[in-house]
Amino acid sequence: MSERWFEDYVVGTTAEHGSIRVDEAELVDFGRRFDPQPFHVDREAASSGPYGGLIASGWHTCALMMRLLAQEYLSPASSLGSPGVDELRWVKPVRPGDELSLRTTVEEARLSRSKPDRGLLRTRVELVDSGGDVVLRLLAMNLVRTRPAA
């Protein structure tokens, strides 16, 4: 990851970033720990359930998205965290073995009036499977530092 600053996030820019494979053992472990519904934790029960097999918890899918967002899109040099997300949608079930990639579109970038060393970045975030289908969609809000004076 190269250093990126507030000024480097240009409104209207769409980009694809990295990929991550959904591991079945991790999917089941996450489900057992945080979302213990049969279609997340039990292969046999899931096969006769509403999805016809194991699927990742939506929260696990969010965690996978966050890994890619932090690793590929946000710069450790400038990221100041997030006040939240809007419009979170799990569009399609995520299954063991799926290969997911991140797509980002900068929707808004505005400087803070009270703290001119940072700005608010609104990004449309999509997690896309290898078939090109969106599996997760949200609007992320991030606080990002401006480029330091030389």
C-alpha atoms as a PDB file:
ATOM      1  CA  MET A   1       0.000   0.000   0.000  1.00  0.00           C
ATOM      2  CA  SER A   2       1.418   3.339  -1.028  1.00  0.00           C
ATOM      3  CA  GLU A   3       0.758   6.481   0.954  1.00  0.00           C
ATOM      4  CA  ARG A   4      -2.510   8.110  -0.022  1.00  0.00           C
ATOM      5  CA  TRP A   5      -3.849  11.356   1.326  1.00  0.00           C
ATOM      6  CA  PHE A   6      -7.230  13.055   1.202  1.00  0.00           C
ATOM      7  CA  GLU A   7      -6.285  14.833  -2.035  1.00  0.00           C
ATOM      8  CA  ASP A   8      -5.622  11.484  -3.766  1.00  0.00           C
ATOM      9  CA  TYR A   9      -9.255  10.345  -3.489  1.00  0.00           C
ATOM     10  CA  VAL A  10     -10.887  11.953  -6.541  1.00  0.00           C
ATOM     11  CA  VAL A  11     -14.681  12.102  -6.690  1.00  0.00           C
ATOM     12  CA  GLY A  12     -16.037   9.811  -9.399  1.00  0.00           C
ATOM     13  CA  THR A  13     -13.031   7.482  -9.421  1.00  0.00           C
ATOM     14  CA  THR A  14     -13.874   3.766  -9.456  1.00  0.00           C
ATOM     15  CA  ALA A  15     -11.193   1.138  -8.843  1.00  0.00           C
ATOM     16  CA  GLU A  16     -10.848  -2.605  -8.231  1.00  0.00           C
ATOM     17  CA  HIS A  17      -8.669  -3.788  -5.351  1.00  0.00           C
ATOM     18  CA  GLY A  18      -7.167  -7.113  -4.324  1.00  0.00           C
ATOM     19  CA  SER A  19      -8.934 -10.362  -3.656  1.00  0.00           C
ATOM     20  CA  ILE A  20      -9.626 -12.712  -0.786  1.00  0.00           C
ATOM     21  CA  ARG A  21     -10.773 -16.346  -0.771  1.00  0.00           C
ATOM     22  CA  VAL A  22     -13.519 -17.476   1.604  1.00  0.00           C
ATOM     23  CA  ASP A  23     -12.150 -20.349   3.665  1.00  0.00           C
ATOM     24  CA  GLU A  24     -14.751 -22.878   4.875  1.00  0.00           C
ATOM     25  CA  ALA A  25     -13.095 -23.474   8.262  1.00  0.00           C
ATOM     26  CA  GLU A  26     -12.930 -19.720   8.930  1.00  0.00           C
ATOM     27  CA  LEU A  27     -16.541 -19.284   7.752  1.00  0.00           C
ATOM     28  CA  VAL A  28     -17.757 -21.960  10.184  1.00  0.00           C
ATOM     29  CA  ASP A  29     -15.539 -20.704  13.020  1.00  0.00           C
ATOM     30  CA  PHE A  30     -16.829 -17.143  12.594  1.00  0.00           C
ATOM     31  CA  GLY A  31     -20.392 -18.437  12.522  1.00  0.00           C
ATOM     32  CA  ARG A  32     -19.894 -20.499  15.689  1.00  0.00           C
ATOM     33  CA  ARG A  33     -18.360 -17.560  17.519  1.00  0.00           C
ATOM     34  CA  PHE A  34     -20.599 -14.711  16.373  1.00  0.00           C
ATOM     35  CA  ASP A  35     -23.627 -15.837  14.313  1.00  0.00           C
ATOM     36  CA  PRO A  36     -24.503 -19.446  15.217  1.00  0.00           C
ATOM     37  CA  GLN A  37     -27.313 -20.067  12.763  1.00  0.00           C
ATOM     38  CA  PRO A  38     -27.376 -23.543  11.135  1.00  0.00           C
ATOM     39  CA  PHE A  39     -26.651 -22.252   7.611  1.00  0.00           C
ATOM     40  CA  HIS A  40     -23.384 -20.705   8.915  1.00  0.00           C
ATOM     41  CA  VAL A  41     -22.128 -23.546  11.097  1.00  0.00           C
ATOM     42  CA  ASP A  42     -23.491 -26.962  10.083  1.00  0.00           C
ATOM     43  CA  ARG A  43     -22.821 -28.308   6.582  1.00  0.00           C
ATOM     44  CA  GLU A  44     -25.486 -31.015   6.864  1.00  0.00           C
ATOM     45  CA  ALA A  45     -28.225 -28.760   8.233  1.00  0.00           C
ATOM     46  CA  ALA A  46     -27.288 -26.053   5.729  1.00  0.00           C
ATOM     47  CA  SER A  47     -27.647 -28.456   2.779  1.00  0.00           C
ATOM     48  CA  SER A  48     -31.372 -28.819   3.504  1.00  0.00           C
ATOM     49  CA  GLY A  49     -31.803 -25.176   4.537  1.00  0.00           C
ATOM     50  CA  PRO A  50     -32.982 -22.146   2.588  1.00  0.00           C
ATOM     51  CA  TYR A  51     -29.609 -21.570   0.839  1.00  0.00           C
ATOM     52  CA  GLY A  52     -28.842 -25.170  -0.158  1.00  0.00           C
ATOM     53  CA  GLY A  53     -25.483 -25.145   1.639  1.00  0.00           C
ATOM     54  CA  LEU A  54     -23.186 -23.225   3.939  1.00  0.00           C
ATOM     55  CA  ILE A  55     -23.067 -19.457   3.585  1.00  0.00           C
ATOM     56  CA  ALA A  56     -20.975 -16.865   5.360  1.00  0.00           C
ATOM     57  CA  SER A  57     -22.516 -14.687   8.022  1.00  0.00           C
ATOM     58  CA  GLY A  58     -23.118 -11.199   6.667  1.00  0.00           C
ATOM     59  CA  TRP A  59     -20.869  -9.952   9.459  1.00  0.00           C
ATOM     60  CA  HIS A  60     -18.092 -12.273   8.300  1.00  0.00           C
ATOM     61  CA  THR A  61     -18.562 -10.877   4.796  1.00  0.00           C
ATOM     62  CA  CYS A  62     -18.221  -7.371   6.272  1.00  0.00           C
ATOM     63  CA  ALA A  63     -15.004  -8.410   8.018  1.00  0.00           C
ATOM     64  CA  LEU A  64     -13.576  -9.741   4.736  1.00  0.00           C
ATOM     65  CA  MET A  65     -14.531  -6.460   3.039  1.00  0.00           C
ATOM     66  CA  MET A  66     -12.884  -4.482   5.846  1.00  0.00           C
ATOM     67  CA  ARG A  67      -9.669  -6.472   5.449  1.00  0.00           C
ATOM     68  CA  LEU A  68      -9.503  -5.497   1.773  1.00  0.00           C
ATOM     69  CA  LEU A  69     -10.560  -1.891   2.451  1.00  0.00           C
ATOM     70  CA  ALA A  70      -7.846  -1.408   5.090  1.00  0.00           C
ATOM     71  CA  GLN A  71      -5.202  -3.286   3.114  1.00  0.00           C
ATOM     72  CA  GLU A  72      -5.892  -1.974  -0.389  1.00  0.00           C
ATOM     73  CA  TYR A  73      -7.804   1.322  -0.234  1.00  0.00           C
ATOM     74  CA  LEU A  74      -7.155   3.208   2.987  1.00  0.00           C
ATOM     75  CA  SER A  75      -3.602   4.328   3.679  1.00  0.00           C
ATOM     76  CA  PRO A  76      -2.145   3.738   7.145  1.00  0.00           C
ATOM     77  CA  ALA A  77      -0.424   7.124   6.745  1.00  0.00           C
ATOM     78  CA  SER A  78      -3.697   9.044   6.525  1.00  0.00           C
ATOM     79  CA  SER A  79      -6.643   6.970   7.742  1.00  0.00           C
ATOM     80  CA  LEU A  80      -8.223   8.351  10.913  1.00  0.00           C
ATOM     81  CA  GLY A  81     -11.066   5.861  11.277  1.00  0.00           C
ATOM     82  CA  SER A  82     -14.733   6.076  10.481  1.00  0.00           C
ATOM     83  CA  PRO A  83     -17.851   7.626  11.994  1.00  0.00           C
ATOM     84  CA  GLY A  84     -19.906   4.795  10.439  1.00  0.00           C
ATOM     85  CA  VAL A  85     -21.432   3.267   7.341  1.00  0.00           C
ATOM     86  CA  ASP A  86     -24.756   3.721   5.590  1.00  0.00           C
ATOM     87  CA  GLU A  87     -26.867   1.587   3.297  1.00  0.00           C
ATOM     88  CA  LEU A  88     -25.336  -1.779   4.244  1.00  0.00           C
ATOM     89  CA  ARG A  89     -26.807  -4.554   2.102  1.00  0.00           C
ATOM     90  CA  TRP A  90     -25.942  -8.236   1.776  1.00  0.00           C
ATOM     91  CA  VAL A  91     -26.940  -8.716  -1.854  1.00  0.00           C
ATOM     92  CA  LYS A  92     -26.002 -12.353  -2.492  1.00  0.00           C
ATOM     93  CA  PRO A  93     -24.923 -15.257  -0.237  1.00  0.00           C
ATOM     94  CA  VAL A  94     -21.182 -15.841   0.069  1.00  0.00           C
ATOM     95  CA  ARG A  95     -20.065 -19.465   0.000  1.00  0.00           C
ATOM     96  CA  PRO A  96     -16.927 -21.386   0.943  1.00  0.00           C
ATOM     97  CA  GLY A  97     -14.342 -21.106  -1.820  1.00  0.00           C
ATOM     98  CA  ASP A  98     -15.707 -17.848  -3.252  1.00  0.00           C
ATOM     99  CA  GLU A  99     -13.035 -15.415  -4.414  1.00  0.00           C
ATOM    100  CA  LEU A 100     -14.045 -11.850  -3.549  1.00  0.00           C
ATOM    101  CA  SER A 101     -12.610  -8.529  -4.698  1.00  0.00           C
ATOM    102  CA  LEU A 102     -13.224  -4.948  -3.629  1.00  0.00           C
ATOM    103  CA  ARG A 103     -14.646  -2.219  -5.865  1.00  0.00           C
ATOM    104  CA  THR A 104     -14.659   1.378  -4.640  1.00  0.00           C
ATOM    105  CA  THR A 105     -16.184   4.548  -6.043  1.00  0.00           C
ATOM    106  CA  VAL A 106     -15.387   7.887  -4.415  1.00  0.00           C
ATOM    107  CA  GLU A 107     -18.752   9.641  -4.063  1.00  0.00           C
ATOM    108  CA  GLU A 108     -17.778  12.658  -1.961  1.00  0.00           C
ATOM    109  CA  ALA A 109     -14.608  14.213  -0.583  1.00  0.00           C
ATOM    110  CA  ARG A 110     -14.950  17.342   1.493  1.00  0.00           C
ATOM    111  CA  LEU A 111     -12.560  19.122   3.806  1.00  0.00           C
ATOM    112  CA  SER A 112     -13.470  19.519   7.433  1.00  0.00           C
ATOM    113  CA  ARG A 113     -14.382  23.109   8.327  1.00  0.00           C
ATOM    114  CA  SER A 114     -13.278  22.713  11.942  1.00  0.00           C
ATOM    115  CA  LYS A 115     -10.148  20.585  11.356  1.00  0.00           C
ATOM    116  CA  PRO A 116      -8.465  21.599   8.076  1.00  0.00           C
ATOM    117  CA  ASP A 117      -5.847  18.828   8.362  1.00  0.00           C
ATOM    118  CA  ARG A 118      -8.475  16.226   7.356  1.00  0.00           C
ATOM    119  CA  GLY A 119     -11.497  15.568   5.251  1.00  0.00           C
ATOM    120  CA  LEU A 120     -14.511  13.298   5.069  1.00  0.00           C
ATOM    121  CA  LEU A 121     -14.451  10.680   2.346  1.00  0.00           C
ATOM    122  CA  ARG A 122     -17.698   8.939   1.268  1.00  0.00           C
ATOM    123  CA  THR A 123     -17.036   5.816  -0.744  1.00  0.00           C
ATOM    124  CA  ARG A 124     -19.459   3.396  -2.397  1.00  0.00           C
ATOM    125  CA  VAL A 125     -17.962   0.015  -1.488  1.00  0.00           C
ATOM    126  CA  GLU A 126     -18.879  -3.230  -3.220  1.00  0.00           C
ATOM    127  CA  LEU A 127     -17.572  -6.723  -2.633  1.00  0.00           C
ATOM    128  CA  VAL A 128     -17.747  -8.683  -5.881  1.00  0.00           C
ATOM    129  CA  ASP A 129     -17.483 -12.434  -6.477  1.00  0.00           C
ATOM    130  CA  SER A 130     -15.467 -14.024  -9.290  1.00  0.00           C
ATOM    131  CA  GLY A 131     -18.578 -14.101 -11.506  1.00  0.00           C
ATOM    132  CA  GLY A 132     -18.840 -10.310 -11.258  1.00  0.00           C
ATOM    133  CA  ASP A 133     -21.874 -10.358  -8.953  1.00  0.00           C
ATOM    134  CA  VAL A 134     -22.042  -7.886  -6.071  1.00  0.00           C
ATOM    135  CA  VAL A 135     -22.372  -9.760  -2.765  1.00  0.00           C
ATOM    136  CA  LEU A 136     -22.114  -6.773  -0.390  1.00  0.00           C
ATOM    137  CA  ARG A 137     -22.736  -3.064  -0.854  1.00  0.00           C
ATOM    138  CA  LEU A 138     -22.380  -0.149   1.546  1.00  0.00           C
ATOM    139  CA  LEU A 139     -21.548   3.529   1.757  1.00  0.00           C
ATOM    140  CA  ALA A 140     -18.425   4.028   3.891  1.00  0.00           C
ATOM    141  CA  MET A 141     -17.538   7.250   5.660  1.00  0.00           C
ATOM    142  CA  ASN A 142     -13.844   7.739   6.462  1.00  0.00           C
ATOM    143  CA  LEU A 143     -11.833  10.514   8.001  1.00  0.00           C
ATOM    144  CA  VAL A 144      -8.616  11.004   6.044  1.00  0.00           C
ATOM    145  CA  ARG A 145      -5.648  13.322   6.678  1.00  0.00           C
ATOM    146  CA  THR A 146      -4.662  15.886   4.079  1.00  0.00           C
ATOM    147  CA  ARG A 147      -1.176  15.724   2.582  1.00  0.00           C
ATOM    148  CA  PRO A 148       1.338  17.285   4.961  1.00  0.00           C
ATOM    149  CA  ALA A 149       3.013  20.508   3.827  1.00  0.00           C
ATOM    150  CA  ALA A 150       6.443  19.850   2.318  1.00  0.00           C
END
